[in-house]
Amino acid sequence: MWVEFEAAKARQKQQIQRDLVLAWHIEALQRQKKLPALEDLLRTRRRQTVGEQRAMLQMLGDQLGIPLRKRKVKGKVRSK
């Protein structure tokens, strides 16, 4: 139950941060004499690498006290 509470708290914090960033961008755009091109505003960010995704999962696991499971390597035979 505690993990769900922490997840809900983190989700609420992210929503507040998202709303603050949105408000900041709205205000910044209103102050512009000329708006930037829509394509520039809608440009997507680069995708996270697998290493970045693993690092993020490790960080979240450490914060929530949930260890990550080790992945089994397929097709490799362990030598004794």
PDB file of N, CA and C in Angstrom:
ATOM      1  N   MET A   1       0.823  -1.198   0.000  1.00  0.00           N
ATOM      2  CA  MET A   1       0.000   0.000   0.000  1.00  0.00           C
ATOM      3  C   MET A   1       0.863   1.255   0.000  1.00  0.00           C
ATOM      4  N   TRP A   2       2.017   1.170   0.695  1.00  0.00           N
ATOM      5  CA  TRP A   2       2.882   2.331   0.787  1.00  0.00           C
ATOM      6  C   TRP A   2       3.438   2.722  -0.583  1.00  0.00           C
ATOM      7  N   VAL A   3       3.758   1.733  -1.407  1.00  0.00           N
ATOM      8  CA  VAL A   3       4.321   2.006  -2.733  1.00  0.00           C
ATOM      9  C   VAL A   3       3.293   2.753  -3.580  1.00  0.00           C
ATOM     10  N   GLU A   4       2.021   2.358  -3.489  1.00  0.00           N
ATOM     11  CA  GLU A   4       0.976   3.042  -4.245  1.00  0.00           C
ATOM     12  C   GLU A   4       0.831   4.488  -3.791  1.00  0.00           C
ATOM     13  N   PHE A   5       0.966   4.717  -2.488  1.00  0.00           N
ATOM     14  CA  PHE A   5       0.884   6.073  -1.950  1.00  0.00           C
ATOM     15  C   PHE A   5       2.034   6.922  -2.491  1.00  0.00           C
ATOM     16  N   GLU A   6       3.235   6.359  -2.474  1.00  0.00           N
ATOM     17  CA  GLU A   6       4.402   7.081  -2.986  1.00  0.00           C
ATOM     18  C   GLU A   6       4.258   7.353  -4.484  1.00  0.00           C
ATOM     19  N   ALA A   7       3.721   6.379  -5.227  1.00  0.00           N
ATOM     20  CA  ALA A   7       3.528   6.564  -6.668  1.00  0.00           C
ATOM     21  C   ALA A   7       2.501   7.665  -6.930  1.00  0.00           C
ATOM     22  N   ALA A   8       1.433   7.697  -6.157  1.00  0.00           N
ATOM     23  CA  ALA A   8       0.409   8.737  -6.324  1.00  0.00           C
ATOM     24  C   ALA A   8       0.980  10.109  -5.987  1.00  0.00           C
ATOM     25  N   LYS A   9       1.800  10.165  -4.956  1.00  0.00           N
ATOM     26  CA  LYS A   9       2.423  11.426  -4.567  1.00  0.00           C
ATOM     27  C   LYS A   9       3.375  11.917  -5.667  1.00  0.00           C
ATOM     28  N   ALA A  10       4.146  11.008  -6.233  1.00  0.00           N
ATOM     29  CA  ALA A  10       5.068  11.370  -7.318  1.00  0.00           C
ATOM     30  C   ALA A  10       4.294  11.813  -8.555  1.00  0.00           C
ATOM     31  N   ARG A  11       3.191  11.127  -8.846  1.00  0.00           N
ATOM     32  CA  ARG A  11       2.361  11.486 -10.007  1.00  0.00           C
ATOM     33  C   ARG A  11       1.786  12.891  -9.823  1.00  0.00           C
ATOM     34  N   GLN A  12       1.326  13.205  -8.614  1.00  0.00           N
ATOM     35  CA  GLN A  12       0.777  14.533  -8.343  1.00  0.00           C
ATOM     36  C   GLN A  12       1.855  15.603  -8.489  1.00  0.00           C
ATOM     37  N   LYS A  13       3.061  15.318  -8.018  1.00  0.00           N
ATOM     38  CA  LYS A  13       4.158  16.273  -8.144  1.00  0.00           C
ATOM     39  C   LYS A  13       4.489  16.506  -9.619  1.00  0.00           C
ATOM     40  N   GLN A  14       4.487  15.437 -10.422  1.00  0.00           N
ATOM     41  CA  GLN A  14       4.751  15.573 -11.855  1.00  0.00           C
ATOM     42  C   GLN A  14       3.667  16.402 -12.538  1.00  0.00           C
ATOM     43  N   GLN A  15       2.415  16.206 -12.129  1.00  0.00           N
ATOM     44  CA  GLN A  15       1.323  16.978 -12.721  1.00  0.00           C
ATOM     45  C   GLN A  15       1.466  18.465 -12.392  1.00  0.00           C
ATOM     46  N   ILE A  16       1.858  18.774 -11.170  1.00  0.00           N
ATOM     47  CA  ILE A  16       2.058  20.171 -10.778  1.00  0.00           C
ATOM     48  C   ILE A  16       3.204  20.778 -11.572  1.00  0.00           C
ATOM     49  N   GLN A  17       4.306  20.034 -11.708  1.00  0.00           N
ATOM     50  CA  GLN A  17       5.440  20.526 -12.493  1.00  0.00           C
ATOM     51  C   GLN A  17       5.048  20.730 -13.950  1.00  0.00           C
ATOM     52  N   ARG A  18       4.275  19.796 -14.504  1.00  0.00           N
ATOM     53  CA  ARG A  18       3.818  19.932 -15.892  1.00  0.00           C
ATOM     54  C   ARG A  18       2.977  21.184 -16.056  1.00  0.00           C
ATOM     55  N   ASP A  19       2.082  21.432 -15.110  1.00  0.00           N
ATOM     56  CA  ASP A  19       1.224  22.617 -15.185  1.00  0.00           C
ATOM     57  C   ASP A  19       2.035  23.907 -15.069  1.00  0.00           C
ATOM     58  N   LEU A  20       3.058  23.901 -14.206  1.00  0.00           N
ATOM     59  CA  LEU A  20       3.913  25.081 -14.072  1.00  0.00           C
ATOM     60  C   LEU A  20       4.706  25.347 -15.346  1.00  0.00           C
ATOM     61  N   VAL A  21       5.217  24.299 -15.961  1.00  0.00           N
ATOM     62  CA  VAL A  21       5.951  24.461 -17.217  1.00  0.00           C
ATOM     63  C   VAL A  21       5.018  24.980 -18.310  1.00  0.00           C
ATOM     64  N   LEU A  22       3.802  24.454 -18.355  1.00  0.00           N
ATOM     65  CA  LEU A  22       2.823  24.915 -19.337  1.00  0.00           C
ATOM     66  C   LEU A  22       2.507  26.399 -19.134  1.00  0.00           C
ATOM     67  N   ALA A  23       2.283  26.805 -17.892  1.00  0.00           N
ATOM     68  CA  ALA A  23       1.988  28.212 -17.600  1.00  0.00           C
ATOM     69  C   ALA A  23       3.172  29.100 -17.984  1.00  0.00           C
ATOM     70  N   TRP A  24       4.391  28.627 -17.717  1.00  0.00           N
ATOM     71  CA  TRP A  24       5.569  29.402 -18.063  1.00  0.00           C
ATOM     72  C   TRP A  24       5.658  29.596 -19.576  1.00  0.00           C
ATOM     73  N   HIS A  25       5.419  28.515 -20.331  1.00  0.00           N
ATOM     74  CA  HIS A  25       5.485  28.614 -21.790  1.00  0.00           C
ATOM     75  C   HIS A  25       4.381  29.516 -22.350  1.00  0.00           C
ATOM     76  N   ILE A  26       3.200  29.438 -21.797  1.00  0.00           N
ATOM     77  CA  ILE A  26       2.110  30.300 -22.258  1.00  0.00           C
ATOM     78  C   ILE A  26       2.489  31.759 -22.055  1.00  0.00           C
ATOM     79  N   GLU A  27       2.995  32.084 -20.879  1.00  0.00           N
ATOM     80  CA  GLU A  27       3.383  33.464 -20.589  1.00  0.00           C
ATOM     81  C   GLU A  27       4.544  33.907 -21.479  1.00  0.00           C
ATOM     82  N   ALA A  28       5.515  33.023 -21.677  1.00  0.00           N
ATOM     83  CA  ALA A  28       6.667  33.367 -22.521  1.00  0.00           C
ATOM     84  C   ALA A  28       6.225  33.608 -23.960  1.00  0.00           C
ATOM     85  N   LEU A  29       5.298  32.800 -24.463  1.00  0.00           N
ATOM     86  CA  LEU A  29       4.823  32.977 -25.837  1.00  0.00           C
ATOM     87  C   LEU A  29       4.007  34.269 -25.975  1.00  0.00           C
ATOM     88  N   GLN A  30       3.278  34.628 -24.933  1.00  0.00           N
ATOM     89  CA  GLN A  30       2.487  35.857 -25.003  1.00  0.00           C
ATOM     90  C   GLN A  30       3.374  37.099 -25.068  1.00  0.00           C
ATOM     91  N   ARG A  31       4.579  37.008 -24.537  1.00  0.00           N
ATOM     92  CA  ARG A  31       5.496  38.148 -24.536  1.00  0.00           C
ATOM     93  C   ARG A  31       6.261  38.280 -25.849  1.00  0.00           C
ATOM     94  N   GLN A  32       6.197  37.273 -26.700  1.00  0.00           N
ATOM     95  CA  GLN A  32       6.919  37.297 -27.969  1.00  0.00           C
ATOM     96  C   GLN A  32       6.252  38.254 -28.944  1.00  0.00           C
ATOM     97  N   LYS A  33       7.069  39.010 -29.659  1.00  0.00           N
ATOM     98  CA  LYS A  33       6.516  39.876 -30.700  1.00  0.00           C
ATOM     99  C   LYS A  33       6.137  39.046 -31.916  1.00  0.00           C
ATOM    100  N   LYS A  34       6.934  37.991 -32.175  1.00  0.00           N
ATOM    101  CA  LYS A  34       6.658  37.096 -33.290  1.00  0.00           C
ATOM    102  C   LYS A  34       6.771  35.665 -32.776  1.00  0.00           C
ATOM    103  N   LEU A  35       5.748  34.880 -33.032  1.00  0.00           N
ATOM    104  CA  LEU A  35       5.756  33.502 -32.549  1.00  0.00           C
ATOM    105  C   LEU A  35       6.740  32.663 -33.352  1.00  0.00           C
ATOM    106  N   PRO A  36       7.392  31.712 -32.689  1.00  0.00           N
ATOM    107  CA  PRO A  36       8.253  30.796 -33.429  1.00  0.00           C
ATOM    108  C   PRO A  36       7.406  29.884 -34.319  1.00  0.00           C
ATOM    109  N   ALA A  37       8.035  29.263 -35.295  1.00  0.00           N
ATOM    110  CA  ALA A  37       7.318  28.358 -36.189  1.00  0.00           C
ATOM    111  C   ALA A  37       6.728  27.203 -35.387  1.00  0.00           C
ATOM    112  N   LEU A  38       5.541  26.803 -35.765  1.00  0.00           N
ATOM    113  CA  LEU A  38       4.860  25.716 -35.061  1.00  0.00           C
ATOM    114  C   LEU A  38       5.686  24.430 -35.107  1.00  0.00           C
ATOM    115  N   GLU A  39       6.365  24.182 -36.233  1.00  0.00           N
ATOM    116  CA  GLU A  39       7.190  22.977 -36.352  1.00  0.00           C
ATOM    117  C   GLU A  39       8.290  22.955 -35.290  1.00  0.00           C
ATOM    118  N   ASP A  40       8.851  24.134 -34.999  1.00  0.00           N
ATOM    119  CA  ASP A  40       9.887  24.213 -33.977  1.00  0.00           C
ATOM    120  C   ASP A  40       9.323  23.905 -32.593  1.00  0.00           C
ATOM    121  N   LEU A  41       8.103  24.337 -32.331  1.00  0.00           N
ATOM    122  CA  LEU A  41       7.475  24.078 -31.033  1.00  0.00           C
ATOM    123  C   LEU A  41       7.067  22.622 -30.873  1.00  0.00           C
ATOM    124  N   LEU A  42       6.696  21.984 -31.979  1.00  0.00           N
ATOM    125  CA  LEU A  42       6.211  20.604 -31.928  1.00  0.00           C
ATOM    126  C   LEU A  42       7.314  19.575 -32.133  1.00  0.00           C
ATOM    127  N   ARG A  43       8.536  20.036 -32.327  1.00  0.00           N
ATOM    128  CA  ARG A  43       9.647  19.118 -32.563  1.00  0.00           C
ATOM    129  C   ARG A  43       9.749  18.122 -31.415  1.00  0.00           C
ATOM    130  N   THR A  44       9.890  16.867 -31.766  1.00  0.00           N
ATOM    131  CA  THR A  44       9.981  15.832 -30.735  1.00  0.00           C
ATOM    132  C   THR A  44      11.412  15.720 -30.247  1.00  0.00           C
ATOM    133  N   ARG A  45      11.541  15.324 -29.033  1.00  0.00           N
ATOM    134  CA  ARG A  45      12.860  15.108 -28.450  1.00  0.00           C
ATOM    135  C   ARG A  45      13.408  13.771 -28.947  1.00  0.00           C
ATOM    136  N   ARG A  46      14.693  13.600 -28.755  1.00  0.00           N
ATOM    137  CA  ARG A  46      15.276  12.318 -29.134  1.00  0.00           C
ATOM    138  C   ARG A  46      14.805  11.253 -28.152  1.00  0.00           C
ATOM    139  N   ARG A  47      14.807  10.035 -28.621  1.00  0.00           N
ATOM    140  CA  ARG A  47      14.390   8.920 -27.770  1.00  0.00           C
ATOM    141  C   ARG A  47      15.495   8.572 -26.786  1.00  0.00           C
ATOM    142  N   GLN A  48      15.090   8.082 -25.626  1.00  0.00           N
ATOM    143  CA  GLN A  48      16.067   7.648 -24.638  1.00  0.00           C
ATOM    144  C   GLN A  48      16.755   6.377 -25.125  1.00  0.00           C
ATOM    145  N   THR A  49      18.033   6.277 -24.814  1.00  0.00           N
ATOM    146  CA  THR A  49      18.751   5.047 -25.138  1.00  0.00           C
ATOM    147  C   THR A  49      18.384   3.982 -24.114  1.00  0.00           C
ATOM    148  N   VAL A  50      18.717   2.742 -24.429  1.00  0.00           N
ATOM    149  CA  VAL A  50      18.442   1.644 -23.494  1.00  0.00           C
ATOM    150  C   VAL A  50      19.187   1.878 -22.180  1.00  0.00           C
ATOM    151  N   GLY A  51      20.415   2.372 -22.275  1.00  0.00           N
ATOM    152  CA  GLY A  51      21.188   2.656 -21.069  1.00  0.00           C
ATOM    153  C   GLY A  51      20.541   3.724 -20.207  1.00  0.00           C
ATOM    154  N   GLU A  52      19.989   4.763 -20.840  1.00  0.00           N
ATOM    155  CA  GLU A  52      19.301   5.821 -20.096  1.00  0.00           C
ATOM    156  C   GLU A  52      18.034   5.287 -19.436  1.00  0.00           C
ATOM    157  N   GLN A  53      17.327   4.409 -20.145  1.00  0.00           N
ATOM    158  CA  GLN A  53      16.113   3.817 -19.570  1.00  0.00           C
ATOM    159  C   GLN A  53      16.452   2.949 -18.367  1.00  0.00           C
ATOM    160  N   ARG A  54      17.525   2.157 -18.491  1.00  0.00           N
ATOM    161  CA  ARG A  54      17.935   1.312 -17.360  1.00  0.00           C
ATOM    162  C   ARG A  54      18.361   2.159 -16.170  1.00  0.00           C
ATOM    163  N   ALA A  55      19.095   3.239 -16.435  1.00  0.00           N
ATOM    164  CA  ALA A  55      19.533   4.119 -15.350  1.00  0.00           C
ATOM    165  C   ALA A  55      18.335   4.731 -14.633  1.00  0.00           C
ATOM    166  N   MET A  56      17.305   5.127 -15.401  1.00  0.00           N
ATOM    167  CA  MET A  56      16.099   5.696 -14.799  1.00  0.00           C
ATOM    168  C   MET A  56      15.368   4.655 -13.945  1.00  0.00           C
ATOM    169  N   LEU A  57      15.255   3.435 -14.461  1.00  0.00           N
ATOM    170  CA  LEU A  57      14.616   2.371 -13.681  1.00  0.00           C
ATOM    171  C   LEU A  57      15.399   2.074 -12.409  1.00  0.00           C
ATOM    172  N   GLN A  58      16.726   2.062 -12.511  1.00  0.00           N
ATOM    173  CA  GLN A  58      17.554   1.810 -11.337  1.00  0.00           C
ATOM    174  C   GLN A  58      17.343   2.903 -10.297  1.00  0.00           C
ATOM    175  N   MET A  59      17.297   4.164 -10.732  1.00  0.00           N
ATOM    176  CA  MET A  59      17.097   5.280  -9.820  1.00  0.00           C
ATOM    177  C   MET A  59      15.729   5.180  -9.136  1.00  0.00           C
ATOM    178  N   LEU A  60      14.683   4.879  -9.925  1.00  0.00           N
ATOM    179  CA  LEU A  60      13.355   4.738  -9.331  1.00  0.00           C
ATOM    180  C   LEU A  60      13.309   3.569  -8.358  1.00  0.00           C
ATOM    181  N   GLY A  61      13.941   2.464  -8.731  1.00  0.00           N
ATOM    182  CA  GLY A  61      13.988   1.306  -7.841  1.00  0.00           C
ATOM    183  C   GLY A  61      14.696   1.621  -6.537  1.00  0.00           C
ATOM    184  N   ASP A  62      15.797   2.379  -6.632  1.00  0.00           N
ATOM    185  CA  ASP A  62      16.529   2.763  -5.428  1.00  0.00           C
ATOM    186  C   ASP A  62      15.681   3.669  -4.536  1.00  0.00           C
ATOM    187  N   GLN A  63      14.964   4.624  -5.142  1.00  0.00           N
ATOM    188  CA  GLN A  63      14.147   5.556  -4.365  1.00  0.00           C
ATOM    189  C   GLN A  63      12.974   4.855  -3.686  1.00  0.00           C
ATOM    190  N   LEU A  64      12.395   3.865  -4.378  1.00  0.00           N
ATOM    191  CA  LEU A  64      11.225   3.182  -3.830  1.00  0.00           C
ATOM    192  C   LEU A  64      11.588   1.917  -3.061  1.00  0.00           C
ATOM    193  N   GLY A  65      12.873   1.569  -3.052  1.00  0.00           N
ATOM    194  CA  GLY A  65      13.305   0.378  -2.323  1.00  0.00           C
ATOM    195  C   GLY A  65      12.908  -0.909  -3.014  1.00  0.00           C
ATOM    196  N   ILE A  66      12.810  -0.876  -4.327  1.00  0.00           N
ATOM    197  CA  ILE A  66      12.428  -2.058  -5.093  1.00  0.00           C
ATOM    198  C   ILE A  66      13.615  -2.450  -5.961  1.00  0.00           C
ATOM    199  N   PRO A  67      14.262  -3.568  -5.661  1.00  0.00           N
ATOM    200  CA  PRO A  67      15.411  -3.955  -6.476  1.00  0.00           C
ATOM    201  C   PRO A  67      14.968  -4.419  -7.864  1.00  0.00           C
ATOM    202  N   LEU A  68      15.800  -4.119  -8.854  1.00  0.00           N
ATOM    203  CA  LEU A  68      15.506  -4.574 -10.209  1.00  0.00           C
ATOM    204  C   LEU A  68      15.892  -6.041 -10.337  1.00  0.00           C
ATOM    205  N   ARG A  69      15.102  -6.772 -11.100  1.00  0.00           N
ATOM    206  CA  ARG A  69      15.423  -8.171 -11.356  1.00  0.00           C
ATOM    207  C   ARG A  69      16.491  -8.234 -12.434  1.00  0.00           C
ATOM    208  N   LYS A  70      17.379  -9.182 -12.294  1.00  0.00           N
ATOM    209  CA  LYS A  70      18.419  -9.380 -13.298  1.00  0.00           C
ATOM    210  C   LYS A  70      17.811 -10.109 -14.488  1.00  0.00           C
ATOM    211  N   ARG A  71      18.177  -9.681 -15.672  1.00  0.00           N
ATOM    212  CA  ARG A  71      17.667 -10.270 -16.889  1.00  0.00           C
ATOM    213  C   ARG A  71      18.437 -11.541 -17.196  1.00  0.00           C
ATOM    214  N   LYS A  72      17.700 -12.578 -17.593  1.00  0.00           N
ATOM    215  CA  LYS A  72      18.347 -13.812 -18.007  1.00  0.00           C
ATOM    216  C   LYS A  72      18.832 -13.646 -19.434  1.00  0.00           C
ATOM    217  N   VAL A  73      20.059 -14.050 -19.672  1.00  0.00           N
ATOM    218  CA  VAL A  73      20.625 -13.943 -21.010  1.00  0.00           C
ATOM    219  C   VAL A  73      20.208 -15.177 -21.789  1.00  0.00           C
ATOM    220  N   LYS A  74      19.556 -14.953 -22.929  1.00  0.00           N
ATOM    221  CA  LYS A  74      19.072 -16.066 -23.748  1.00  0.00           C
ATOM    222  C   LYS A  74      20.173 -16.591 -24.642  1.00  0.00           C
ATOM    223  N   GLY A  75      20.207 -17.904 -24.805  1.00  0.00           N
ATOM    224  CA  GLY A  75      21.100 -18.507 -25.770  1.00  0.00           C
ATOM    225  C   GLY A  75      22.522 -18.714 -25.277  1.00  0.00           C
ATOM    226  N   LYS A  76      22.863 -18.257 -24.105  1.00  0.00           N
ATOM    227  CA  LYS A  76      24.216 -18.441 -23.600  1.00  0.00           C
ATOM    228  C   LYS A  76      24.211 -19.557 -22.555  1.00  0.00           C
ATOM    229  N   VAL A  77      25.211 -20.382 -22.619  1.00  0.00           N
ATOM    230  CA  VAL A  77      25.337 -21.470 -21.682  1.00  0.00           C
ATOM    231  C   VAL A  77      26.462 -21.138 -20.720  1.00  0.00           C
ATOM    232  N   ARG A  78      26.178 -21.259 -19.459  1.00  0.00           N
ATOM    233  CA  ARG A  78      27.211 -20.988 -18.450  1.00  0.00           C
ATOM    234  C   ARG A  78      28.177 -22.156 -18.371  1.00  0.00           C
ATOM    235  N   SER A  79      29.444 -21.830 -18.291  1.00  0.00           N
ATOM    236  CA  SER A  79      30.441 -22.891 -18.123  1.00  0.00           C
ATOM    237  C   SER A  79      30.752 -23.033 -16.641  1.00  0.00           C
ATOM    238  N   LYS A  80      30.981 -24.257 -16.222  1.00  0.00           N
ATOM    239  CA  LYS A  80      31.238 -24.520 -14.794  1.00  0.00           C
ATOM    240  C   LYS A  80      32.692 -24.594 -14.505  1.00  0.00           C
TER     241      LYS A  80
END
